[in-house]
Protein backbone atom coordinates (compact mmCIF):
# COMPACT_ATOMS: atom_id res chain seq x y z
CA MET A 1 -0.01 -0.03 0.03
CA MET A 2 1.47 3.40 -0.98
CA SER A 3 1.50 6.46 1.29
CA ASP A 4 0.09 9.67 0.34
CA THR A 5 3.26 11.26 -0.36
CA SER A 6 4.40 8.66 -2.78
CA LYS A 7 0.81 8.64 -4.39
CA PHE A 8 1.26 12.42 -4.90
CA SER A 9 4.96 11.94 -6.13
CA ALA A 10 3.68 9.39 -8.65
CA LEU A 11 0.85 11.80 -9.92
CA VAL A 12 3.36 14.51 -10.11
CA ASP A 13 5.86 12.50 -12.16
CA ASP A 14 3.03 11.43 -14.59
CA ILE A 15 1.77 15.05 -15.10
CA TRP A 16 5.41 15.98 -15.63
CA GLU A 17 5.87 13.44 -18.30
CA LEU A 18 2.55 14.61 -19.87
CA VAL A 19 3.56 18.20 -19.97
CA PHE A 20 7.10 18.22 -20.97
CA GLY A 21 7.48 14.86 -22.52
CA SER A 22 10.32 13.70 -20.56
CA VAL A 23 10.92 11.58 -17.40
CA ARG A 24 11.02 13.86 -14.15
CA ARG A 25 13.19 11.53 -12.19
CA PRO A 26 14.84 8.71 -14.28
CA GLU A 27 16.72 7.13 -11.42
CA VAL A 28 13.23 6.32 -9.85
CA LYS A 29 11.54 5.68 -13.06
CA PHE A 30 14.20 3.28 -14.50
CA LYS A 31 15.41 1.76 -11.15
CA GLY A 32 17.93 -0.93 -11.67
CA MET A 33 18.06 -0.24 -15.18
CA MET A 34 20.53 2.76 -15.01
CA PHE A 35 24.25 2.64 -14.83
CA THR A 36 25.28 4.00 -11.43
CA HIS A 37 29.11 4.44 -11.79
CA ALA A 38 31.56 3.42 -14.00
CA LYS A 39 34.63 2.45 -11.92
CA GLN A 40 34.81 1.05 -8.40
CA LYS A 41 37.69 1.97 -6.22
CA PRO A 42 40.24 -0.79 -5.65
CA LYS A 43 39.58 -2.67 -2.42
CA ARG A 44 42.28 -4.44 -0.41
CA ALA A 45 41.45 -8.04 0.46
CA ARG A 46 41.15 -9.15 4.20
CA GLY A 47 41.93 -12.20 5.87
CA PRO A 48 39.52 -14.03 8.54
CA LYS A 49 40.92 -11.87 11.08
CA GLY A 50 40.22 -8.62 9.29
CA ARG A 51 43.88 -8.01 8.45
CA TYR A 52 45.15 -7.10 5.07
CA LYS A 53 45.88 -10.27 2.88
CA GLY A 54 49.43 -10.39 1.05
CA ASP A 55 50.14 -11.36 -2.38
CA ASP A 56 50.94 -15.06 -2.86
CA LEU A 57 54.00 -14.83 -5.54
CA SER A 58 53.55 -18.59 -6.78
CA THR A 59 50.41 -17.18 -8.62
CA ALA A 60 51.96 -14.95 -11.45
CA PHE A 61 48.64 -13.42 -13.06
CA THR A 62 46.46 -13.05 -9.80
CA ASN A 63 47.21 -10.76 -6.98
CA GLU A 64 45.46 -12.01 -3.84
CA ALA A 65 46.01 -8.84 -1.85
CA TRP A 66 43.28 -7.12 -3.88
CA VAL A 67 39.63 -8.00 -4.17
CA SER A 68 39.39 -7.67 -7.88
CA GLY A 69 42.73 -9.65 -8.56
CA LYS A 70 44.44 -6.60 -9.86
CA ALA A 71 46.57 -4.13 -8.14
CA PRO A 72 45.68 -0.54 -8.94
CA LYS A 73 47.99 1.42 -10.90
CA LYS A 74 50.58 3.87 -9.02
CA GLY A 75 49.99 7.50 -9.70
CA LYS A 76 52.46 10.06 -10.63
CA LYS A 77 54.43 11.91 -8.10
CA LYS A 78 54.09 15.51 -8.02
CA TRP A 79 57.20 17.30 -9.26
CA LYS A 80 58.33 20.22 -6.87
CA LYS A 81 60.14 23.12 -8.08
CA TRP A 82 63.66 23.15 -7.46
CA TRP A 83 63.89 26.46 -5.42
CA ILE A 84 61.33 25.00 -3.02
CA MET A 85 63.53 21.91 -2.55
CA LEU A 86 66.66 24.16 -2.10
CA ARG A 87 64.91 25.91 0.81
CA VAL A 88 64.56 22.59 2.57
CA TRP A 89 68.27 21.74 2.27
């Protein structure tokens, strides 16, 4: 059974679609059909005690330390200007 606010919201969505010819809230209308996000962040694998797992070096093509089996690429380090580095020395 729908509550009054959800009935009203459905009515507004229908009227919106009649007047403007487009869906008012596509994330509600096409729930489960829309692509939410392209990439997931890499996630470290954990053992039964909750600690990080290490990589098993005997398996060459899988990295057991990561849930997806692939380690993320390392980012570039930012280059500091040389005069800032001279001040540190």
